[in-house]
mmCIF file of all heavy atoms, coordinates in Angstrom:
data_MODEL
# 
_entry.id   MODEL 
# 
loop_
_atom_site.group_PDB 
_atom_site.id 
_atom_site.type_symbol 
_atom_site.label_atom_id 
_atom_site.label_alt_id 
_atom_site.label_comp_id 
_atom_site.label_asym_id 
_atom_site.label_entity_id 
_atom_site.label_seq_id 
_atom_site.pdbx_PDB_ins_code 
_atom_site.Cartn_x 
_atom_site.Cartn_y 
_atom_site.Cartn_z 
_atom_site.occupancy 
_atom_site.B_iso_or_equiv 
_atom_site.pdbx_formal_charge 
_atom_site.auth_seq_id 
_atom_site.auth_comp_id 
_atom_site.auth_asym_id 
_atom_site.auth_atom_id 
_atom_site.pdbx_PDB_model_num 
ATOM 1   N N   . LYS A 1 1  ? 35.955 -133.504 108.051 1.00 0.00 ? 1  LYS A N   1 
ATOM 2   C CA  . LYS A 1 1  ? 36.646 -133.212 109.300 1.00 0.00 ? 1  LYS A CA  1 
ATOM 3   C C   . LYS A 1 1  ? 36.835 -131.707 109.473 1.00 0.00 ? 1  LYS A C   1 
ATOM 4   O O   . LYS A 1 1  ? 36.627 -131.152 110.563 1.00 0.00 ? 1  LYS A O   1 
ATOM 5   C CB  . LYS A 1 1  ? 37.995 -133.929 109.313 1.00 0.00 ? 1  LYS A CB  1 
ATOM 6   C CG  . LYS A 1 1  ? 38.802 -133.729 110.587 1.00 0.00 ? 1  LYS A CG  1 
ATOM 7   C CD  . LYS A 1 1  ? 40.121 -134.483 110.496 1.00 0.00 ? 1  LYS A CD  1 
ATOM 8   C CE  . LYS A 1 1  ? 41.009 -134.232 111.702 1.00 0.00 ? 1  LYS A CE  1 
ATOM 9   N NZ  . LYS A 1 1  ? 42.316 -134.915 111.562 1.00 0.00 ? 1  LYS A NZ  1 
ATOM 10  N N   . ASP A 1 2  ? 37.191 -131.047 108.400 1.00 0.00 ? 2  ASP A N   1 
ATOM 11  C CA  . ASP A 1 2  ? 37.337 -129.593 108.440 1.00 0.00 ? 2  ASP A CA  1 
ATOM 12  C C   . ASP A 1 2  ? 35.987 -128.917 108.677 1.00 0.00 ? 2  ASP A C   1 
ATOM 13  O O   . ASP A 1 2  ? 35.904 -127.892 109.354 1.00 0.00 ? 2  ASP A O   1 
ATOM 14  C CB  . ASP A 1 2  ? 37.961 -129.098 107.131 1.00 0.00 ? 2  ASP A CB  1 
ATOM 15  C CG  . ASP A 1 2  ? 38.300 -127.621 107.164 1.00 0.00 ? 2  ASP A CG  1 
ATOM 16  O OD1 . ASP A 1 2  ? 38.759 -127.128 108.207 1.00 0.00 ? 2  ASP A OD1 1 
ATOM 17  O OD2 . ASP A 1 2  ? 38.089 -126.945 106.120 1.00 0.00 ? 2  ASP A OD2 1 
ATOM 18  N N   . ALA A 1 3  ? 34.919 -129.501 108.139 1.00 0.00 ? 3  ALA A N   1 
ATOM 19  C CA  . ALA A 1 3  ? 33.579 -128.967 108.374 1.00 0.00 ? 3  ALA A CA  1 
ATOM 20  C C   . ALA A 1 3  ? 33.231 -129.030 109.856 1.00 0.00 ? 3  ALA A C   1 
ATOM 21  O O   . ALA A 1 3  ? 32.689 -128.069 110.424 1.00 0.00 ? 3  ALA A O   1 
ATOM 22  C CB  . ALA A 1 3  ? 32.551 -129.739 107.549 1.00 0.00 ? 3  ALA A CB  1 
ATOM 23  N N   . ALA A 1 4  ? 33.531 -130.163 110.498 1.00 0.00 ? 4  ALA A N   1 
ATOM 24  C CA  . ALA A 1 4  ? 33.278 -130.293 111.933 1.00 0.00 ? 4  ALA A CA  1 
ATOM 25  C C   . ALA A 1 4  ? 34.082 -129.264 112.715 1.00 0.00 ? 4  ALA A C   1 
ATOM 26  O O   . ALA A 1 4  ? 33.577 -128.635 113.655 1.00 0.00 ? 4  ALA A O   1 
ATOM 27  C CB  . ALA A 1 4  ? 33.618 -131.704 112.396 1.00 0.00 ? 4  ALA A CB  1 
ATOM 28  N N   . PHE A 1 5  ? 35.323 -129.073 112.321 1.00 0.00 ? 5  PHE A N   1 
ATOM 29  C CA  . PHE A 1 5  ? 36.185 -128.101 113.000 1.00 0.00 ? 5  PHE A CA  1 
ATOM 30  C C   . PHE A 1 5  ? 35.631 -126.681 112.872 1.00 0.00 ? 5  PHE A C   1 
ATOM 31  O O   . PHE A 1 5  ? 35.505 -125.947 113.853 1.00 0.00 ? 5  PHE A O   1 
ATOM 32  C CB  . PHE A 1 5  ? 37.595 -128.175 112.420 1.00 0.00 ? 5  PHE A CB  1 
ATOM 33  C CG  . PHE A 1 5  ? 38.512 -127.096 112.920 1.00 0.00 ? 5  PHE A CG  1 
ATOM 34  C CD1 . PHE A 1 5  ? 39.040 -127.152 114.199 1.00 0.00 ? 5  PHE A CD1 1 
ATOM 35  C CD2 . PHE A 1 5  ? 38.836 -126.009 112.118 1.00 0.00 ? 5  PHE A CD2 1 
ATOM 36  C CE1 . PHE A 1 5  ? 39.875 -126.146 114.674 1.00 0.00 ? 5  PHE A CE1 1 
ATOM 37  C CE2 . PHE A 1 5  ? 39.673 -125.009 112.573 1.00 0.00 ? 5  PHE A CE2 1 
ATOM 38  C CZ  . PHE A 1 5  ? 40.187 -125.073 113.859 1.00 0.00 ? 5  PHE A CZ  1 
ATOM 39  N N   . ARG A 1 6  ? 35.252 -126.315 111.653 1.00 0.00 ? 6  ARG A N   1 
ATOM 40  C CA  . ARG A 1 6  ? 34.788 -124.936 111.421 1.00 0.00 ? 6  ARG A CA  1 
ATOM 41  C C   . ARG A 1 6  ? 33.463 -124.658 112.124 1.00 0.00 ? 6  ARG A C   1 
ATOM 42  O O   . ARG A 1 6  ? 33.252 -123.564 112.661 1.00 0.00 ? 6  ARG A O   1 
ATOM 43  C CB  . ARG A 1 6  ? 34.673 -124.672 109.925 1.00 0.00 ? 6  ARG A CB  1 
ATOM 44  C CG  . ARG A 1 6  ? 36.031 -124.611 109.216 1.00 0.00 ? 6  ARG A CG  1 
ATOM 45  C CD  . ARG A 1 6  ? 35.845 -124.253 107.751 1.00 0.00 ? 6  ARG A CD  1 
ATOM 46  N NE  . ARG A 1 6  ? 37.098 -124.229 107.038 1.00 0.00 ? 6  ARG A NE  1 
ATOM 47  C CZ  . ARG A 1 6  ? 37.497 -123.213 106.251 1.00 0.00 ? 6  ARG A CZ  1 
ATOM 48  N NH1 . ARG A 1 6  ? 36.716 -122.154 106.120 1.00 0.00 ? 6  ARG A NH1 1 
ATOM 49  N NH2 . ARG A 1 6  ? 38.634 -123.268 105.612 1.00 0.00 ? 6  ARG A NH2 1 
ATOM 50  N N   . ALA A 1 7  ? 32.570 -125.628 112.115 1.00 0.00 ? 7  ALA A N   1 
ATOM 51  C CA  . ALA A 1 7  ? 31.293 -125.435 112.802 1.00 0.00 ? 7  ALA A CA  1 
ATOM 52  C C   . ALA A 1 7  ? 31.502 -125.330 114.315 1.00 0.00 ? 7  ALA A C   1 
ATOM 53  O O   . ALA A 1 7  ? 30.868 -124.501 114.979 1.00 0.00 ? 7  ALA A O   1 
ATOM 54  C CB  . ALA A 1 7  ? 30.344 -126.578 112.477 1.00 0.00 ? 7  ALA A CB  1 
ATOM 55  N N   . ALA A 1 8  ? 32.397 -126.166 114.856 1.00 0.00 ? 8  ALA A N   1 
ATOM 56  C CA  . ALA A 1 8  ? 32.668 -126.126 116.291 1.00 0.00 ? 8  ALA A CA  1 
ATOM 57  C C   . ALA A 1 8  ? 33.303 -124.797 116.682 1.00 0.00 ? 8  ALA A C   1 
ATOM 58  O O   . ALA A 1 8  ? 32.924 -124.189 117.693 1.00 0.00 ? 8  ALA A O   1 
ATOM 59  C CB  . ALA A 1 8  ? 33.579 -127.290 116.683 1.00 0.00 ? 8  ALA A CB  1 
ATOM 60  N N   . VAL A 1 9  ? 34.241 -124.334 115.901 1.00 0.00 ? 9  VAL A N   1 
ATOM 61  C CA  . VAL A 1 9  ? 34.889 -123.051 116.183 1.00 0.00 ? 9  VAL A CA  1 
ATOM 62  C C   . VAL A 1 9  ? 33.883 -121.912 116.106 1.00 0.00 ? 9  VAL A C   1 
ATOM 63  O O   . VAL A 1 9  ? 33.909 -120.972 116.905 1.00 0.00 ? 9  VAL A O   1 
ATOM 64  C CB  . VAL A 1 9  ? 36.064 -122.821 115.210 1.00 0.00 ? 9  VAL A CB  1 
ATOM 65  C CG1 . VAL A 1 9  ? 36.566 -121.384 115.287 1.00 0.00 ? 9  VAL A CG1 1 
ATOM 66  C CG2 . VAL A 1 9  ? 37.199 -123.791 115.517 1.00 0.00 ? 9  VAL A CG2 1 
ATOM 67  N N   . ALA A 1 10 ? 32.972 -121.997 115.150 1.00 0.00 ? 10 ALA A N   1 
ATOM 68  C CA  . ALA A 1 10 ? 31.962 -120.946 115.007 1.00 0.00 ? 10 ALA A CA  1 
ATOM 69  C C   . ALA A 1 10 ? 30.966 -120.957 116.152 1.00 0.00 ? 10 ALA A C   1 
ATOM 70  O O   . ALA A 1 10 ? 30.325 -119.936 116.423 1.00 0.00 ? 10 ALA A O   1 
ATOM 71  C CB  . ALA A 1 10 ? 31.234 -121.104 113.678 1.00 0.00 ? 10 ALA A CB  1 
ATOM 72  N N   . GLY A 1 11 ? 30.813 -122.105 116.808 1.00 0.00 ? 11 GLY A N   1 
ATOM 73  C CA  . GLY A 1 11 ? 29.921 -122.161 117.957 1.00 0.00 ? 11 GLY A CA  1 
ATOM 74  C C   . GLY A 1 11 ? 28.638 -122.928 117.742 1.00 0.00 ? 11 GLY A C   1 
ATOM 75  O O   . GLY A 1 11 ? 27.656 -122.703 118.455 1.00 0.00 ? 11 GLY A O   1 
ATOM 76  N N   . VAL A 1 12 ? 28.606 -123.848 116.776 1.00 0.00 ? 12 VAL A N   1 
ATOM 77  C CA  . VAL A 1 12 ? 27.437 -124.703 116.580 1.00 0.00 ? 12 VAL A CA  1 
ATOM 78  C C   . VAL A 1 12 ? 27.501 -125.833 117.602 1.00 0.00 ? 12 VAL A C   1 
ATOM 79  O O   . VAL A 1 12 ? 28.424 -126.647 117.578 1.00 0.00 ? 12 VAL A O   1 
ATOM 80  C CB  . VAL A 1 12 ? 27.387 -125.270 115.147 1.00 0.00 ? 12 VAL A CB  1 
ATOM 81  C CG1 . VAL A 1 12 ? 26.229 -126.254 115.003 1.00 0.00 ? 12 VAL A CG1 1 
ATOM 82  C CG2 . VAL A 1 12 ? 27.251 -124.144 114.129 1.00 0.00 ? 12 VAL A CG2 1 
ATOM 83  N N   . ASN A 1 13 ? 26.530 -125.899 118.488 1.00 0.00 ? 13 ASN A N   1 
ATOM 84  C CA  . ASN A 1 13 ? 26.547 -126.907 119.554 1.00 0.00 ? 13 ASN A CA  1 
ATOM 85  C C   . ASN A 1 13 ? 26.049 -128.268 119.098 1.00 0.00 ? 13 ASN A C   1 
ATOM 86  O O   . ASN A 1 13 ? 26.566 -129.301 119.537 1.00 0.00 ? 13 ASN A O   1 
ATOM 87  C CB  . ASN A 1 13 ? 25.678 -126.447 120.721 1.00 0.00 ? 13 ASN A CB  1 
ATOM 88  C CG  . ASN A 1 13 ? 26.110 -125.117 121.291 1.00 0.00 ? 13 ASN A CG  1 
ATOM 89  O OD1 . ASN A 1 13 ? 25.746 -124.076 120.769 1.00 0.00 ? 13 ASN A OD1 1 
ATOM 90  N ND2 . ASN A 1 13 ? 26.908 -125.135 122.346 1.00 0.00 ? 13 ASN A ND2 1 
ATOM 91  N N   . MET A 1 14 ? 25.043 -128.275 118.236 1.00 0.00 ? 14 MET A N   1 
ATOM 92  C CA  . MET A 1 14 ? 24.432 -129.547 117.854 1.00 0.00 ? 14 MET A CA  1 
ATOM 93  C C   . MET A 1 14 ? 24.374 -129.671 116.337 1.00 0.00 ? 14 MET A C   1 
ATOM 94  O O   . MET A 1 14 ? 23.944 -128.749 115.643 1.00 0.00 ? 14 MET A O   1 
ATOM 95  C CB  . MET A 1 14 ? 23.030 -129.687 118.443 1.00 0.00 ? 14 MET A CB  1 
ATOM 96  C CG  . MET A 1 14 ? 22.388 -131.051 118.207 1.00 0.00 ? 14 MET A CG  1 
ATOM 97  S SD  . MET A 1 14 ? 20.774 -131.209 119.017 1.00 0.00 ? 14 MET A SD  1 
ATOM 98  C CE  . MET A 1 14 ? 21.283 -131.386 120.733 1.00 0.00 ? 14 MET A CE  1 
ATOM 99  N N   . ASP A 1 15 ? 24.814 -130.811 115.850 1.00 0.00 ? 15 ASP A N   1 
ATOM 100 C CA  . ASP A 1 15 ? 24.830 -131.125 114.420 1.00 0.00 ? 15 ASP A CA  1 
ATOM 101 C C   . ASP A 1 15 ? 23.551 -131.870 114.075 1.00 0.00 ? 15 ASP A C   1 
ATOM 102 O O   . ASP A 1 15 ? 23.359 -133.012 114.480 1.00 0.00 ? 15 ASP A O   1 
ATOM 103 C CB  . ASP A 1 15 ? 26.074 -131.980 114.130 1.00 0.00 ? 15 ASP A CB  1 
ATOM 104 C CG  . ASP A 1 15 ? 26.104 -132.573 112.733 1.00 0.00 ? 15 ASP A CG  1 
ATOM 105 O OD1 . ASP A 1 15 ? 25.300 -132.151 111.874 1.00 0.00 ? 15 ASP A OD1 1 
ATOM 106 O OD2 . ASP A 1 15 ? 26.952 -133.465 112.499 1.00 0.00 ? 15 ASP A OD2 1 
ATOM 107 N N   . MET A 1 16 ? 22.676 -131.217 113.309 1.00 0.00 ? 16 MET A N   1 
ATOM 108 C CA  . MET A 1 16 ? 21.419 -131.831 112.938 1.00 0.00 ? 16 MET A CA  1 
ATOM 109 C C   . MET A 1 16 ? 21.586 -132.709 111.703 1.00 0.00 ? 16 MET A C   1 
ATOM 110 O O   . MET A 1 16 ? 21.755 -132.223 110.593 1.00 0.00 ? 16 MET A O   1 
ATOM 111 C CB  . MET A 1 16 ? 20.335 -130.777 112.648 1.00 0.00 ? 16 MET A CB  1 
ATOM 112 C CG  . MET A 1 16 ? 18.962 -131.397 112.339 1.00 0.00 ? 16 MET A CG  1 
ATOM 113 S SD  . MET A 1 16 ? 17.783 -130.282 111.528 1.00 0.00 ? 16 MET A SD  1 
ATOM 114 C CE  . MET A 1 16 ? 17.452 -129.113 112.809 1.00 0.00 ? 16 MET A CE  1 
ATOM 115 N N   . GLY A 1 17 ? 21.581 -134.015 111.930 1.00 0.00 ? 17 GLY A N   1 
ATOM 116 C CA  . GLY A 1 17 ? 21.379 -134.955 110.846 1.00 0.00 ? 17 GLY A CA  1 
ATOM 117 C C   . GLY A 1 17 ? 22.571 -135.403 110.046 1.00 0.00 ? 17 GLY A C   1 
ATOM 118 O O   . GLY A 1 17 ? 22.512 -136.456 109.408 1.00 0.00 ? 17 GLY A O   1 
ATOM 119 N N   . SER A 1 18 ? 23.668 -134.654 110.041 1.00 0.00 ? 18 SER A N   1 
ATOM 120 C CA  . SER A 1 18 ? 24.757 -135.017 109.122 1.00 0.00 ? 18 SER A CA  1 
ATOM 121 C C   . SER A 1 18 ? 25.728 -136.025 109.715 1.00 0.00 ? 18 SER A C   1 
ATOM 122 O O   . SER A 1 18 ? 26.478 -136.677 108.979 1.00 0.00 ? 18 SER A O   1 
ATOM 123 C CB  . SER A 1 18 ? 25.526 -133.768 108.685 1.00 0.00 ? 18 SER A CB  1 
ATOM 124 O OG  . SER A 1 18 ? 26.442 -133.330 109.667 1.00 0.00 ? 18 SER A OG  1 
ATOM 125 N N   . GLY A 1 19 ? 25.766 -136.164 111.046 1.00 0.00 ? 19 GLY A N   1 
ATOM 126 C CA  . GLY A 1 19 ? 26.699 -137.090 111.687 1.00 0.00 ? 19 GLY A CA  1 
ATOM 127 C C   . GLY A 1 19 ? 28.146 -136.653 111.602 1.00 0.00 ? 19 GLY A C   1 
ATOM 128 O O   . GLY A 1 19 ? 29.050 -137.426 111.943 1.00 0.00 ? 19 GLY A O   1 
ATOM 129 N N   . THR A 1 20 ? 28.388 -135.418 111.197 1.00 0.00 ? 20 THR A N   1 
ATOM 130 C CA  . THR A 1 20 ? 29.758 -134.947 111.004 1.00 0.00 ? 20 THR A CA  1 
ATOM 131 C C   . THR A 1 20 ? 30.507 -134.815 112.316 1.00 0.00 ? 20 THR A C   1 
ATOM 132 O O   . THR A 1 20 ? 31.698 -135.143 112.398 1.00 0.00 ? 20 THR A O   1 
ATOM 133 C CB  . THR A 1 20 ? 29.738 -133.605 110.245 1.00 0.00 ? 20 THR A CB  1 
ATOM 134 O OG1 . THR A 1 20 ? 28.977 -133.759 109.043 1.00 0.00 ? 20 THR A OG1 1 
ATOM 135 C CG2 . THR A 1 20 ? 31.135 -133.153 109.891 1.00 0.00 ? 20 THR A CG2 1 
ATOM 136 N N   . TYR A 1 21 ? 29.840 -134.317 113.348 1.00 0.00 ? 21 TYR A N   1 
ATOM 137 C CA  . TYR A 1 21 ? 30.484 -134.245 114.657 1.00 0.00 ? 21 TYR A CA  1 
ATOM 138 C C   . TYR A 1 21 ? 30.786 -135.646 115.184 1.00 0.00 ? 21 TYR A C   1 
ATOM 139 O O   . TYR A 1 21 ? 31.879 -135.911 115.708 1.00 0.00 ? 21 TYR A O   1 
ATOM 140 C CB  . TYR A 1 21 ? 29.567 -133.526 115.655 1.00 0.00 ? 21 TYR A CB  1 
ATOM 141 C CG  . TYR A 1 21 ? 29.651 -132.019 115.647 1.00 0.00 ? 21 TYR A CG  1 
ATOM 142 C CD1 . TYR A 1 21 ? 28.823 -131.262 116.472 1.00 0.00 ? 21 TYR A CD1 1 
ATOM 143 C CD2 . TYR A 1 21 ? 30.550 -131.333 114.833 1.00 0.00 ? 21 TYR A CD2 1 
ATOM 144 C CE1 . TYR A 1 21 ? 28.878 -129.878 116.484 1.00 0.00 ? 21 TYR A CE1 1 
ATOM 145 C CE2 . TYR A 1 21 ? 30.611 -129.954 114.834 1.00 0.00 ? 21 TYR A CE2 1 
ATOM 146 C CZ  . TYR A 1 21 ? 29.779 -129.231 115.665 1.00 0.00 ? 21 TYR A CZ  1 
ATOM 147 O OH  . TYR A 1 21 ? 29.836 -127.858 115.686 1.00 0.00 ? 21 TYR A OH  1 
ATOM 148 N N   . LEU A 1 22 ? 29.824 -136.554 115.077 1.00 0.00 ? 22 LEU A N   1 
ATOM 149 C CA  . LEU A 1 22 ? 29.983 -137.896 115.621 1.00 0.00 ? 22 LEU A CA  1 
ATOM 150 C C   . LEU A 1 22 ? 31.194 -138.596 115.014 1.00 0.00 ? 22 LEU A C   1 
ATOM 151 O O   . LEU A 1 22 ? 31.928 -139.316 115.699 1.00 0.00 ? 22 LEU A O   1 
ATOM 152 C CB  . LEU A 1 22 ? 28.710 -138.717 115.375 1.00 0.00 ? 22 LEU A CB  1 
ATOM 153 C CG  . LEU A 1 22 ? 28.630 -140.071 116.066 1.00 0.00 ? 22 LEU A CG  1 
ATOM 154 C CD1 . LEU A 1 22 ? 28.563 -139.902 117.577 1.00 0.00 ? 22 LEU A CD1 1 
ATOM 155 C CD2 . LEU A 1 22 ? 27.408 -140.849 115.573 1.00 0.00 ? 22 LEU A CD2 1 
ATOM 156 N N   . LYS A 1 23 ? 31.427 -138.365 113.743 1.00 0.00 ? 23 LYS A N   1 
ATOM 157 C CA  . LYS A 1 23 ? 32.503 -139.056 113.036 1.00 0.00 ? 23 LYS A CA  1 
ATOM 158 C C   . LYS A 1 23 ? 33.862 -138.376 113.181 1.00 0.00 ? 23 LYS A C   1 
ATOM 159 O O   . LYS A 1 23 ? 34.896 -139.023 112.972 1.00 0.00 ? 23 LYS A O   1 
ATOM 160 C CB  . LYS A 1 23 ? 32.154 -139.164 111.553 1.00 0.00 ? 23 LYS A CB  1 
ATOM 161 C CG  . LYS A 1 23 ? 30.919 -140.011 111.265 1.00 0.00 ? 23 LYS A CG  1 
ATOM 162 C CD  . LYS A 1 23 ? 30.520 -139.923 109.797 1.00 0.00 ? 23 LYS A CD  1 
ATOM 163 C CE  . LYS A 1 23 ? 29.220 -140.675 109.530 1.00 0.00 ? 23 LYS A CE  1 
ATOM 164 N NZ  . LYS A 1 23 ? 28.750 -140.493 108.119 1.00 0.00 ? 23 LYS A NZ  1 
ATOM 165 N N   . ASN A 1 24 ? 33.884 -137.088 113.522 1.00 0.00 ? 24 ASN A N   1 
ATOM 166 C CA  . ASN A 1 24 ? 35.146 -136.354 113.415 1.00 0.00 ? 24 ASN A CA  1 
ATOM 167 C C   . ASN A 1 24 ? 35.571 -135.595 114.662 1.00 0.00 ? 24 ASN A C   1 
ATOM 168 O O   . ASN A 1 24 ? 36.749 -135.272 114.796 1.00 0.00 ? 24 ASN A O   1 
ATOM 169 C CB  . ASN A 1 24 ? 35.054 -135.341 112.259 1.00 0.00 ? 24 ASN A CB  1 
ATOM 170 C CG  . ASN A 1 24 ? 34.880 -136.010 110.916 1.00 0.00 ? 24 ASN A CG  1 
ATOM 171 O OD1 . ASN A 1 24 ? 35.824 -136.528 110.331 1.00 0.00 ? 24 ASN A OD1 1 
ATOM 172 N ND2 . ASN A 1 24 ? 33.644 -136.002 110.409 1.00 0.00 ? 24 ASN A ND2 1 
ATOM 173 N N   . LEU A 1 25 ? 34.650 -135.287 115.563 1.00 0.00 ? 25 LEU A N   1 
ATOM 174 C CA  . LEU A 1 25 ? 34.991 -134.364 116.631 1.00 0.00 ? 25 LEU A CA  1 
ATOM 175 C C   . LEU A 1 25 ? 35.950 -134.970 117.653 1.00 0.00 ? 25 LEU A C   1 
ATOM 176 O O   . LEU A 1 25 ? 36.851 -134.279 118.157 1.00 0.00 ? 25 LEU A O   1 
ATOM 177 C CB  . LEU A 1 25 ? 33.712 -133.883 117.322 1.00 0.00 ? 25 LEU A CB  1 
ATOM 178 C CG  . LEU A 1 25 ? 33.792 -132.537 118.056 1.00 0.00 ? 25 LEU A CG  1 
ATOM 179 C CD1 . LEU A 1 25 ? 34.406 -131.460 117.181 1.00 0.00 ? 25 LEU A CD1 1 
ATOM 180 C CD2 . LEU A 1 25 ? 32.407 -132.119 118.520 1.00 0.00 ? 25 LEU A CD2 1 
ATOM 181 N N   . LYS A 1 26 ? 35.794 -136.258 117.945 1.00 0.00 ? 26 LYS A N   1 
ATOM 182 C CA  . LYS A 1 26 ? 36.710 -136.872 118.915 1.00 0.00 ? 26 LYS A CA  1 
ATOM 183 C C   . LYS A 1 26 ? 38.150 -136.803 118.418 1.00 0.00 ? 26 LYS A C   1 
ATOM 184 O O   . LYS A 1 26 ? 39.073 -136.499 119.197 1.00 0.00 ? 26 LYS A O   1 
ATOM 185 C CB  . LYS A 1 26 ? 36.310 -138.322 119.174 1.00 0.00 ? 26 LYS A CB  1 
ATOM 186 C CG  . LYS A 1 26 ? 37.209 -139.004 120.206 1.00 0.00 ? 26 LYS A CG  1 
ATOM 187 C CD  . LYS A 1 26 ? 36.768 -140.441 120.471 1.00 0.00 ? 26 LYS A CD  1 
ATOM 188 C CE  . LYS A 1 26 ? 37.687 -141.085 121.509 1.00 0.00 ? 26 LYS A CE  1 
ATOM 189 N NZ  . LYS A 1 26 ? 37.275 -142.480 121.814 1.00 0.00 ? 26 LYS A NZ  1 
ATOM 190 N N   . GLN A 1 27 ? 38.341 -137.070 117.130 1.00 0.00 ? 27 GLN A N   1 
ATOM 191 C CA  . GLN A 1 27 ? 39.692 -137.010 116.584 1.00 0.00 ? 27 GLN A CA  1 
ATOM 192 C C   . GLN A 1 27 ? 40.247 -135.587 116.662 1.00 0.00 ? 27 GLN A C   1 
ATOM 193 O O   . GLN A 1 27 ? 41.436 -135.390 116.957 1.00 0.00 ? 27 GLN A O   1 
ATOM 194 C CB  . GLN A 1 27 ? 39.708 -137.487 115.132 1.00 0.00 ? 27 GLN A CB  1 
ATOM 195 C CG  . GLN A 1 27 ? 41.106 -137.560 114.524 1.00 0.00 ? 27 GLN A CG  1 
ATOM 196 C CD  . GLN A 1 27 ? 41.096 -138.096 113.101 1.00 0.00 ? 27 GLN A CD  1 
ATOM 197 O OE1 . GLN A 1 27 ? 40.064 -138.515 112.587 1.00 0.00 ? 27 GLN A OE1 1 
ATOM 198 N NE2 . GLN A 1 27 ? 42.267 -138.070 112.459 1.00 0.00 ? 27 GLN A NE2 1 
ATOM 199 N N   . LEU A 1 28 ? 39.390 -134.595 116.441 1.00 0.00 ? 28 LEU A N   1 
ATOM 200 C CA  . LEU A 1 28 ? 39.833 -133.206 116.538 1.00 0.00 ? 28 LEU A CA  1 
ATOM 201 C C   . LEU A 1 28 ? 40.255 -132.869 117.963 1.00 0.00 ? 28 LEU A C   1 
ATOM 202 O O   . LEU A 1 28 ? 41.218 -132.113 118.173 1.00 0.00 ? 28 LEU A O   1 
ATOM 203 C CB  . LEU A 1 28 ? 38.713 -132.270 116.077 1.00 0.00 ? 28 LEU A CB  1 
ATOM 204 C CG  . LEU A 1 28 ? 38.405 -132.270 114.579 1.00 0.00 ? 28 LEU A CG  1 
ATOM 205 C CD1 . LEU A 1 28 ? 37.094 -131.542 114.297 1.00 0.00 ? 28 LEU A CD1 1 
ATOM 206 C CD2 . LEU A 1 28 ? 39.546 -131.607 113.796 1.00 0.00 ? 28 LEU A CD2 1 
ATOM 207 N N   . VAL A 1 29 ? 39.555 -133.441 118.940 1.00 0.00 ? 29 VAL A N   1 
ATOM 208 C CA  . VAL A 1 29 ? 39.930 -133.237 120.337 1.00 0.00 ? 29 VAL A CA  1 
ATOM 209 C C   . VAL A 1 29 ? 41.246 -133.947 120.636 1.00 0.00 ? 29 VAL A C   1 
ATOM 210 O O   . VAL A 1 29 ? 42.147 -133.389 121.281 1.00 0.00 ? 29 VAL A O   1 
ATOM 211 C CB  . VAL A 1 29 ? 38.806 -133.721 121.277 1.00 0.00 ? 29 VAL A CB  1 
ATOM 212 C CG1 . VAL A 1 29 ? 39.272 -133.681 122.736 1.00 0.00 ? 29 VAL A CG1 1 
ATOM 213 C CG2 . VAL A 1 29 ? 37.553 -132.884 121.094 1.00 0.00 ? 29 VAL A CG2 1 
ATOM 214 N N   . THR A 1 30 ? 41.386 -135.181 120.161 1.00 0.00 ? 30 THR A N   1 
ATOM 215 C CA  . THR A 1 30 ? 42.607 -135.958 120.378 1.00 0.00 ? 30 THR A CA  1 
ATOM 216 C C   . THR A 1 30 ? 43.820 -135.235 119.797 1.00 0.00 ? 30 THR A C   1 
ATOM 217 O O   . THR A 1 30 ? 44.911 -135.217 120.389 1.00 0.00 ? 30 THR A O   1 
ATOM 218 C CB  . THR A 1 30 ? 42.478 -137.350 119.736 1.00 0.00 ? 30 THR A CB  1 
ATOM 219 O OG1 . THR A 1 30 ? 41.366 -138.028 120.332 1.00 0.00 ? 30 THR A OG1 1 
ATOM 220 C CG2 . THR A 1 30 ? 43.747 -138.164 119.935 1.00 0.00 ? 30 THR A CG2 1 
# 
């Protein structure tokens, strides 16, 4: 979850292959 947060803050738009955004980003938005 922290990985998704740090990548999003840094400005990575698309997560290639790890599914980290898919699993964690909605909760970070909530």
